[in-house]
Amino acid sequence: ILVVNKKAGMVVHPGFGNWDGTLVNALAFHFKNLPIFGDETRPGLVHRIDKNTSGILVVAKNEGSLTIMNEKFTNRDLNRKYWALVWGDLKEDAGIIEGNIGRSLKNRKIMDVFPNGDFGKTALTHWKVIQRYGYTTLVECKLETGRTHQIRAHFKFIGHPLFNDPEYGGDKVLKGTVFTKYKQSVKNCFLSCNRQALHAKSLEFKHPITNKIMRFDSDLPEDFSILLEKWKNYTLQRKL
């Protein structure tokens, strides 16, 4: 297996409009004969993360590992956590978001939550607060399911979209005061982290061959760290 710390902005696998410069292109160049599991455009891929999400991704280098790792993801036999900055001050310190996720009936590029289970697939997101900034909150998310855009769709569903997430409505000033100084501060934050504030922080699983527990943790990238520092400073100034 191979564990990659993907930077934001890199597409994971080739697709419409992104045939070159993807993570899979790079992997295919460095590792010949990566295993294919039903889709020739995704050799070695066990799972994927969005283009503008940073963080940990695991890749299988042979068919045996690909089969075993796919089973782990299907059976949820692993522990993966994301950090996200969301709009608003969450009322609780921890919680669970539950609701089927499926392709939006109005916009095929995004996902929607269908709470009654009429459409989509079962999705479950556990979250807990790491830090509160008054108008935004840093949360840690643990996924029980791995649906497309799961964290982004789930937090929009509960009224707390991810900060600077254009596809799910988080790229506007959603919380806070009407003062020009505040709005300018938020705009500076948008410029600091020009993407949804989401990072695949850690991954833990048993190695497919040795069965040894493997733990991987990635530092927050610079843009995300700067964003949190700006919110921290704004919160401190507000208390003065």
C-alpha atoms as a PDB file:
ATOM      1  CA  ILE A   1       0.000   0.000   0.000  1.00  0.00           C
ATOM      2  CA  LEU A   2       0.920   3.626  -0.362  1.00  0.00           C
ATOM      3  CA  VAL A   3      -0.349   6.498   1.794  1.00  0.00           C
ATOM      4  CA  VAL A   4      -0.452   9.925   0.155  1.00  0.00           C
ATOM      5  CA  ASN A   5      -0.872  13.341   1.765  1.00  0.00           C
ATOM      6  CA  LYS A   6      -2.723  15.052  -1.095  1.00  0.00           C
ATOM      7  CA  LYS A   7      -2.564  18.799  -1.501  1.00  0.00           C
ATOM      8  CA  ALA A   8      -5.690  20.825  -2.203  1.00  0.00           C
ATOM      9  CA  GLY A   9      -6.288  21.527  -5.879  1.00  0.00           C
ATOM     10  CA  MET A  10      -5.096  18.153  -7.127  1.00  0.00           C
ATOM     11  CA  VAL A  11      -7.698  15.969  -8.838  1.00  0.00           C
ATOM     12  CA  VAL A  12      -7.499  12.333  -7.703  1.00  0.00           C
ATOM     13  CA  HIS A  13      -8.335  10.518 -10.931  1.00  0.00           C
ATOM     14  CA  PRO A  14      -8.839  11.436 -14.617  1.00  0.00           C
ATOM     15  CA  GLY A  15     -12.295  12.468 -15.740  1.00  0.00           C
ATOM     16  CA  PHE A  16     -14.136  14.947 -17.913  1.00  0.00           C
ATOM     17  CA  GLY A  17     -12.023  18.118 -18.147  1.00  0.00           C
ATOM     18  CA  ASN A  18      -9.181  16.626 -16.063  1.00  0.00           C
ATOM     19  CA  TRP A  19      -7.352  13.969 -18.054  1.00  0.00           C
ATOM     20  CA  ASP A  20      -3.827  15.007 -17.052  1.00  0.00           C
ATOM     21  CA  GLY A  21      -2.052  16.122 -13.902  1.00  0.00           C
ATOM     22  CA  THR A  22      -4.089  13.955 -11.561  1.00  0.00           C
ATOM     23  CA  LEU A  23      -2.835  11.894  -8.634  1.00  0.00           C
ATOM     24  CA  VAL A  24      -3.535   8.706 -10.605  1.00  0.00           C
ATOM     25  CA  ASN A  25      -1.419   9.997 -13.519  1.00  0.00           C
ATOM     26  CA  ALA A  26       1.469  10.526 -11.099  1.00  0.00           C
ATOM     27  CA  LEU A  27       1.016   7.115  -9.492  1.00  0.00           C
ATOM     28  CA  ALA A  28       0.891   5.360 -12.862  1.00  0.00           C
ATOM     29  CA  PHE A  29       4.161   7.031 -13.797  1.00  0.00           C
ATOM     30  CA  HIS A  30       5.978   5.929 -10.626  1.00  0.00           C
ATOM     31  CA  PHE A  31       4.382   2.515 -10.130  1.00  0.00           C
ATOM     32  CA  LYS A  32       3.809   0.296 -13.119  1.00  0.00           C
ATOM     33  CA  ASN A  33       0.913  -2.196 -13.257  1.00  0.00           C
ATOM     34  CA  LEU A  34      -1.216  -0.779 -10.459  1.00  0.00           C
ATOM     35  CA  PRO A  35      -4.259  -3.015  -9.860  1.00  0.00           C
ATOM     36  CA  ILE A  36      -7.612  -2.147 -11.409  1.00  0.00           C
ATOM     37  CA  PHE A  37     -10.896  -2.770  -9.622  1.00  0.00           C
ATOM     38  CA  GLY A  38     -13.600  -2.339 -12.256  1.00  0.00           C
ATOM     39  CA  ASP A  39     -12.551   1.102 -13.527  1.00  0.00           C
ATOM     40  CA  GLU A  40      -9.478   1.570 -15.712  1.00  0.00           C
ATOM     41  CA  THR A  41      -9.318   5.296 -14.889  1.00  0.00           C
ATOM     42  CA  ARG A  42      -8.740   4.570 -11.182  1.00  0.00           C
ATOM     43  CA  PRO A  43      -5.834   2.089 -10.878  1.00  0.00           C
ATOM     44  CA  GLY A  44      -4.869   1.434  -7.263  1.00  0.00           C
ATOM     45  CA  LEU A  45      -7.543   3.692  -5.801  1.00  0.00           C
ATOM     46  CA  VAL A  46      -9.253   2.373  -2.691  1.00  0.00           C
ATOM     47  CA  HIS A  47     -11.143   5.628  -2.033  1.00  0.00           C
ATOM     48  CA  ARG A  48     -10.869   9.267  -3.057  1.00  0.00           C
ATOM     49  CA  ILE A  49     -11.195  12.778  -1.678  1.00  0.00           C
ATOM     50  CA  ASP A  50     -12.423  15.884  -3.465  1.00  0.00           C
ATOM     51  CA  LYS A  51     -10.140  18.030  -5.600  1.00  0.00           C
ATOM     52  CA  ASN A  52     -10.109  20.912  -3.097  1.00  0.00           C
ATOM     53  CA  THR A  53      -9.932  18.734   0.003  1.00  0.00           C
ATOM     54  CA  SER A  54      -6.436  18.103   1.348  1.00  0.00           C
ATOM     55  CA  GLY A  55      -5.102  15.178   3.335  1.00  0.00           C
ATOM     56  CA  ILE A  56      -4.635  11.436   3.610  1.00  0.00           C
ATOM     57  CA  LEU A  57      -5.454   8.968   0.870  1.00  0.00           C
ATOM     58  CA  VAL A  58      -4.536   5.267   0.722  1.00  0.00           C
ATOM     59  CA  VAL A  59      -3.593   3.503  -2.519  1.00  0.00           C
ATOM     60  CA  ALA A  60      -3.152  -0.248  -3.129  1.00  0.00           C
ATOM     61  CA  LYS A  61      -0.066  -1.354  -5.066  1.00  0.00           C
ATOM     62  CA  ASN A  62      -1.241  -4.904  -5.852  1.00  0.00           C
ATOM     63  CA  GLU A  63      -4.503  -6.794  -6.362  1.00  0.00           C
ATOM     64  CA  GLY A  64      -4.413  -8.546  -2.991  1.00  0.00           C
ATOM     65  CA  SER A  65      -4.100  -5.291  -1.073  1.00  0.00           C
ATOM     66  CA  LEU A  66      -6.750  -3.613  -3.240  1.00  0.00           C
ATOM     67  CA  THR A  67      -9.281  -6.359  -2.514  1.00  0.00           C
ATOM     68  CA  ILE A  68      -8.602  -6.330   1.238  1.00  0.00           C
ATOM     69  CA  MET A  69      -8.597  -2.522   1.535  1.00  0.00           C
ATOM     70  CA  ASN A  70     -11.816  -2.273  -0.459  1.00  0.00           C
ATOM     71  CA  GLU A  71     -13.403  -4.688   2.021  1.00  0.00           C
ATOM     72  CA  LYS A  72     -12.198  -2.557   4.916  1.00  0.00           C
ATOM     73  CA  PHE A  73     -13.846   0.543   3.476  1.00  0.00           C
ATOM     74  CA  THR A  74     -17.022  -1.363   2.599  1.00  0.00           C
ATOM     75  CA  ASN A  75     -17.255  -2.930   6.070  1.00  0.00           C
ATOM     76  CA  ARG A  76     -16.095   0.278   7.827  1.00  0.00           C
ATOM     77  CA  ASP A  77     -13.223  -1.685   9.354  1.00  0.00           C
ATOM     78  CA  LEU A  78     -11.041   1.405   9.768  1.00  0.00           C
ATOM     79  CA  ASN A  79     -10.967   4.757  11.486  1.00  0.00           C
ATOM     80  CA  ARG A  80     -10.726   7.947   9.435  1.00  0.00           C
ATOM     81  CA  LYS A  81     -11.124  11.492  10.676  1.00  0.00           C
ATOM     82  CA  TYR A  82     -11.466  14.845   8.959  1.00  0.00           C
ATOM     83  CA  TRP A  83     -11.125  18.390  10.275  1.00  0.00           C
ATOM     84  CA  ALA A  84     -13.547  20.990   8.955  1.00  0.00           C
ATOM     85  CA  LEU A  85     -14.254  24.646   9.683  1.00  0.00           C
ATOM     86  CA  VAL A  86     -18.002  25.192   9.507  1.00  0.00           C
ATOM     87  CA  TRP A  87     -20.158  28.301   9.665  1.00  0.00           C
ATOM     88  CA  GLY A  88     -21.936  29.068  12.917  1.00  0.00           C
ATOM     89  CA  ASP A  89     -21.600  28.188  16.586  1.00  0.00           C
ATOM     90  CA  LEU A  90     -22.829  24.625  17.027  1.00  0.00           C
ATOM     91  CA  LYS A  91     -25.130  24.252  20.033  1.00  0.00           C
ATOM     92  CA  GLU A  92     -23.731  20.915  21.211  1.00  0.00           C
ATOM     93  CA  ASP A  93     -20.134  19.791  21.737  1.00  0.00           C
ATOM     94  CA  ALA A  94     -20.676  16.599  19.750  1.00  0.00           C
ATOM     95  CA  GLY A  95     -23.322  14.935  17.657  1.00  0.00           C
ATOM     96  CA  ILE A  96     -24.319  12.673  14.792  1.00  0.00           C
ATOM     97  CA  ILE A  97     -25.694  13.718  11.410  1.00  0.00           C
ATOM     98  CA  GLU A  98     -27.808  11.061   9.745  1.00  0.00           C
ATOM     99  CA  GLY A  99     -29.550  11.260   6.391  1.00  0.00           C
ATOM    100  CA  ASN A 100     -29.353   9.518   3.033  1.00  0.00           C
ATOM    101  CA  ILE A 101     -27.080  11.197   0.510  1.00  0.00           C
ATOM    102  CA  GLY A 102     -27.708  11.136  -3.220  1.00  0.00           C
ATOM    103  CA  ARG A 103     -27.229  13.199  -6.356  1.00  0.00           C
ATOM    104  CA  SER A 104     -29.208  16.457  -6.184  1.00  0.00           C
ATOM    105  CA  LEU A 105     -32.396  16.387  -8.236  1.00  0.00           C
ATOM    106  CA  LYS A 106     -31.851  20.054  -9.162  1.00  0.00           C
ATOM    107  CA  ASN A 107     -28.062  20.204  -9.671  1.00  0.00           C
ATOM    108  CA  ARG A 108     -26.270  17.027 -10.758  1.00  0.00           C
ATOM    109  CA  LYS A 109     -22.879  18.442  -9.685  1.00  0.00           C
ATOM    110  CA  ILE A 110     -23.696  18.364  -5.992  1.00  0.00           C
ATOM    111  CA  MET A 111     -25.218  15.970  -3.465  1.00  0.00           C
ATOM    112  CA  ASP A 112     -28.345  16.414  -1.358  1.00  0.00           C
ATOM    113  CA  VAL A 113     -29.525  14.876   1.899  1.00  0.00           C
ATOM    114  CA  PHE A 114     -32.785  12.942   1.789  1.00  0.00           C
ATOM    115  CA  PRO A 115     -33.763  12.535   5.473  1.00  0.00           C
ATOM    116  CA  ASN A 116     -36.783  10.348   4.758  1.00  0.00           C
ATOM    117  CA  GLY A 117     -34.681   7.793   2.905  1.00  0.00           C
ATOM    118  CA  ASP A 118     -36.625   8.102  -0.348  1.00  0.00           C
ATOM    119  CA  PHE A 119     -33.433   8.584  -2.369  1.00  0.00           C
ATOM    120  CA  GLY A 120     -29.710   8.164  -1.950  1.00  0.00           C
ATOM    121  CA  LYS A 121     -27.656   5.897   0.282  1.00  0.00           C
ATOM    122  CA  THR A 122     -27.378   5.680   4.062  1.00  0.00           C
ATOM    123  CA  ALA A 123     -24.866   8.164   5.476  1.00  0.00           C
ATOM    124  CA  LEU A 124     -23.683   8.738   9.050  1.00  0.00           C
ATOM    125  CA  THR A 125     -21.268  11.430  10.238  1.00  0.00           C
ATOM    126  CA  HIS A 126     -20.049  11.704  13.842  1.00  0.00           C
ATOM    127  CA  TRP A 127     -18.666  15.107  14.821  1.00  0.00           C
ATOM    128  CA  LYS A 128     -17.190  16.851  17.840  1.00  0.00           C
ATOM    129  CA  VAL A 129     -16.092  20.422  18.465  1.00  0.00           C
ATOM    130  CA  ILE A 130     -12.362  21.106  18.568  1.00  0.00           C
ATOM    131  CA  GLN A 131     -12.448  24.916  18.781  1.00  0.00           C
ATOM    132  CA  ARG A 132     -15.119  27.609  18.753  1.00  0.00           C
ATOM    133  CA  TYR A 133     -14.524  30.967  17.088  1.00  0.00           C
ATOM    134  CA  GLY A 134     -17.953  32.480  17.721  1.00  0.00           C
ATOM    135  CA  TYR A 135     -19.085  32.760  14.107  1.00  0.00           C
ATOM    136  CA  THR A 136     -17.342  29.593  12.926  1.00  0.00           C
ATOM    137  CA  THR A 137     -16.464  26.264  14.572  1.00  0.00           C
ATOM    138  CA  LEU A 138     -13.628  23.810  13.975  1.00  0.00           C
ATOM    139  CA  VAL A 139     -14.954  20.242  14.135  1.00  0.00           C
ATOM    140  CA  GLU A 140     -13.520  16.758  13.860  1.00  0.00           C
ATOM    141  CA  CYS A 141     -15.614  14.364  11.777  1.00  0.00           C
ATOM    142  CA  LYS A 142     -15.534  10.595  11.903  1.00  0.00           C
ATOM    143  CA  LEU A 143     -17.152   8.851   8.960  1.00  0.00           C
ATOM    144  CA  GLU A 144     -19.083   5.617   9.261  1.00  0.00           C
ATOM    145  CA  THR A 145     -19.925   5.787   5.568  1.00  0.00           C
ATOM    146  CA  GLY A 146     -18.008   7.236   2.651  1.00  0.00           C
ATOM    147  CA  ARG A 147     -20.543   8.946   0.418  1.00  0.00           C
ATOM    148  CA  THR A 148     -19.539  11.546  -2.163  1.00  0.00           C
ATOM    149  CA  HIS A 149     -19.338  15.004  -0.521  1.00  0.00           C
ATOM    150  CA  GLN A 150     -20.670  13.456   2.699  1.00  0.00           C
ATOM    151  CA  ILE A 151     -19.304  15.994   5.192  1.00  0.00           C
ATOM    152  CA  ARG A 152     -20.061  18.941   2.918  1.00  0.00           C
ATOM    153  CA  ALA A 153     -23.648  17.840   2.257  1.00  0.00           C
ATOM    154  CA  HIS A 154     -24.380  16.820   5.845  1.00  0.00           C
ATOM    155  CA  PHE A 155     -23.230  20.110   7.385  1.00  0.00           C
ATOM    156  CA  LYS A 156     -25.146  22.136   4.822  1.00  0.00           C
ATOM    157  CA  PHE A 157     -28.189  20.032   5.733  1.00  0.00           C
ATOM    158  CA  ILE A 158     -27.978  21.044   9.420  1.00  0.00           C
ATOM    159  CA  GLY A 159     -27.428  24.717   8.520  1.00  0.00           C
ATOM    160  CA  HIS A 160     -23.653  24.864   9.077  1.00  0.00           C
ATOM    161  CA  PRO A 161     -21.999  24.657   5.624  1.00  0.00           C
ATOM    162  CA  LEU A 162     -18.222  24.388   5.380  1.00  0.00           C
ATOM    163  CA  PHE A 163     -16.367  27.682   5.318  1.00  0.00           C
ATOM    164  CA  ASN A 164     -15.660  28.883   1.748  1.00  0.00           C
ATOM    165  CA  ASP A 165     -17.416  25.932   0.105  1.00  0.00           C
ATOM    166  CA  PRO A 166     -18.835  27.460  -3.105  1.00  0.00           C
ATOM    167  CA  GLU A 167     -20.870  24.418  -4.131  1.00  0.00           C
ATOM    168  CA  TYR A 168     -22.675  24.165  -0.789  1.00  0.00           C
ATOM    169  CA  GLY A 169     -23.198  27.843  -0.025  1.00  0.00           C
ATOM    170  CA  GLY A 170     -20.317  28.420   2.375  1.00  0.00           C
ATOM    171  CA  ASP A 171     -18.513  31.064   0.284  1.00  0.00           C
ATOM    172  CA  LYS A 172     -20.711  33.920   1.580  1.00  0.00           C
ATOM    173  CA  VAL A 173     -20.703  35.799   4.888  1.00  0.00           C
ATOM    174  CA  LEU A 174     -23.326  33.644   6.606  1.00  0.00           C
ATOM    175  CA  LYS A 175     -22.848  34.482  10.287  1.00  0.00           C
ATOM    176  CA  GLY A 176     -21.668  37.464  12.270  1.00  0.00           C
ATOM    177  CA  THR A 177     -22.223  41.208  12.377  1.00  0.00           C
ATOM    178  CA  VAL A 178     -23.125  43.740   9.700  1.00  0.00           C
ATOM    179  CA  PHE A 179     -20.019  45.824  10.395  1.00  0.00           C
ATOM    180  CA  THR A 180     -17.752  46.496   7.419  1.00  0.00           C
ATOM    181  CA  LYS A 181     -14.664  45.595   9.460  1.00  0.00           C
ATOM    182  CA  TYR A 182     -16.071  42.118  10.155  1.00  0.00           C
ATOM    183  CA  LYS A 183     -17.060  41.528   6.541  1.00  0.00           C
ATOM    184  CA  GLN A 184     -13.589  42.561   5.392  1.00  0.00           C
ATOM    185  CA  SER A 185     -12.037  40.196   7.918  1.00  0.00           C
ATOM    186  CA  VAL A 186     -14.124  37.300   6.547  1.00  0.00           C
ATOM    187  CA  LYS A 187     -13.162  38.203   2.972  1.00  0.00           C
ATOM    188  CA  ASN A 188      -9.507  38.078   4.013  1.00  0.00           C
ATOM    189  CA  CYS A 189     -10.167  34.613   5.419  1.00  0.00           C
ATOM    190  CA  PHE A 190     -11.689  33.551   2.085  1.00  0.00           C
ATOM    191  CA  LEU A 191      -8.507  34.719   0.343  1.00  0.00           C
ATOM    192  CA  SER A 192      -6.290  32.884   2.854  1.00  0.00           C
ATOM    193  CA  CYS A 193      -7.988  29.532   2.212  1.00  0.00           C
ATOM    194  CA  ASN A 194      -9.425  29.676  -1.284  1.00  0.00           C
ATOM    195  CA  ARG A 195     -11.332  26.378  -1.010  1.00  0.00           C
ATOM    196  CA  GLN A 196     -13.643  24.491   1.310  1.00  0.00           C
ATOM    197  CA  ALA A 197     -11.992  24.220   4.722  1.00  0.00           C
ATOM    198  CA  LEU A 198     -11.791  20.431   4.842  1.00  0.00           C
ATOM    199  CA  HIS A 199      -8.763  18.240   5.568  1.00  0.00           C
ATOM    200  CA  ALA A 200      -8.523  14.426   5.757  1.00  0.00           C
ATOM    201  CA  LYS A 201      -6.565  14.450   9.024  1.00  0.00           C
ATOM    202  CA  SER A 202      -5.953  10.829   9.998  1.00  0.00           C
ATOM    203  CA  LEU A 203      -6.446   7.229   8.988  1.00  0.00           C
ATOM    204  CA  GLU A 204      -6.069   4.035  11.034  1.00  0.00           C
ATOM    205  CA  PHE A 205      -6.431   0.466   9.791  1.00  0.00           C
ATOM    206  CA  LYS A 206      -4.829  -2.964   9.953  1.00  0.00           C
ATOM    207  CA  HIS A 207      -2.207  -3.568   7.280  1.00  0.00           C
ATOM    208  CA  PRO A 208      -3.682  -5.843   4.565  1.00  0.00           C
ATOM    209  CA  ILE A 209      -0.741  -8.276   4.727  1.00  0.00           C
ATOM    210  CA  THR A 210       0.818  -8.091   8.203  1.00  0.00           C
ATOM    211  CA  ASN A 211      -2.409  -7.203  10.089  1.00  0.00           C
ATOM    212  CA  LYS A 212      -0.377  -4.696  12.096  1.00  0.00           C
ATOM    213  CA  ILE A 213      -2.295  -1.565  13.143  1.00  0.00           C
ATOM    214  CA  MET A 214      -1.178   1.365  10.987  1.00  0.00           C
ATOM    215  CA  ARG A 215      -1.839   4.959  12.065  1.00  0.00           C
ATOM    216  CA  PHE A 216      -1.293   7.968   9.825  1.00  0.00           C
ATOM    217  CA  ASP A 217      -1.787  11.614  10.757  1.00  0.00           C
ATOM    218  CA  SER A 218      -1.213  14.677   8.579  1.00  0.00           C
ATOM    219  CA  ASP A 219      -0.545  18.250   9.657  1.00  0.00           C
ATOM    220  CA  LEU A 220      -2.968  20.913   8.525  1.00  0.00           C
ATOM    221  CA  PRO A 221      -1.742  22.552   5.302  1.00  0.00           C
ATOM    222  CA  GLU A 222      -0.543  26.148   5.451  1.00  0.00           C
ATOM    223  CA  ASP A 223      -3.712  27.717   4.024  1.00  0.00           C
ATOM    224  CA  PHE A 224      -5.934  25.971   6.588  1.00  0.00           C
ATOM    225  CA  SER A 225      -3.568  26.852   9.462  1.00  0.00           C
ATOM    226  CA  ILE A 226      -3.497  30.526   8.435  1.00  0.00           C
ATOM    227  CA  LEU A 227      -7.300  30.525   8.233  1.00  0.00           C
ATOM    228  CA  LEU A 228      -7.632  29.212  11.799  1.00  0.00           C
ATOM    229  CA  GLU A 229      -5.074  31.721  13.050  1.00  0.00           C
ATOM    230  CA  LYS A 230      -7.086  34.588  11.522  1.00  0.00           C
ATOM    231  CA  TRP A 231     -10.284  33.406  13.206  1.00  0.00           C
ATOM    232  CA  LYS A 232      -8.439  32.929  16.498  1.00  0.00           C
ATOM    233  CA  ASN A 233      -7.076  36.485  16.350  1.00  0.00           C
ATOM    234  CA  TYR A 234     -10.482  37.904  15.460  1.00  0.00           C
ATOM    235  CA  THR A 235     -12.082  36.072  18.394  1.00  0.00           C
ATOM    236  CA  LEU A 236      -9.406  37.390  20.799  1.00  0.00           C
ATOM    237  CA  GLN A 237      -9.858  40.990  19.553  1.00  0.00           C
ATOM    238  CA  ARG A 238     -13.618  40.685  20.031  1.00  0.00           C
ATOM    239  CA  LYS A 239     -13.123  39.799  23.711  1.00  0.00           C
ATOM    240  CA  LEU A 240     -10.889  42.794  24.416  1.00  0.00           C
END
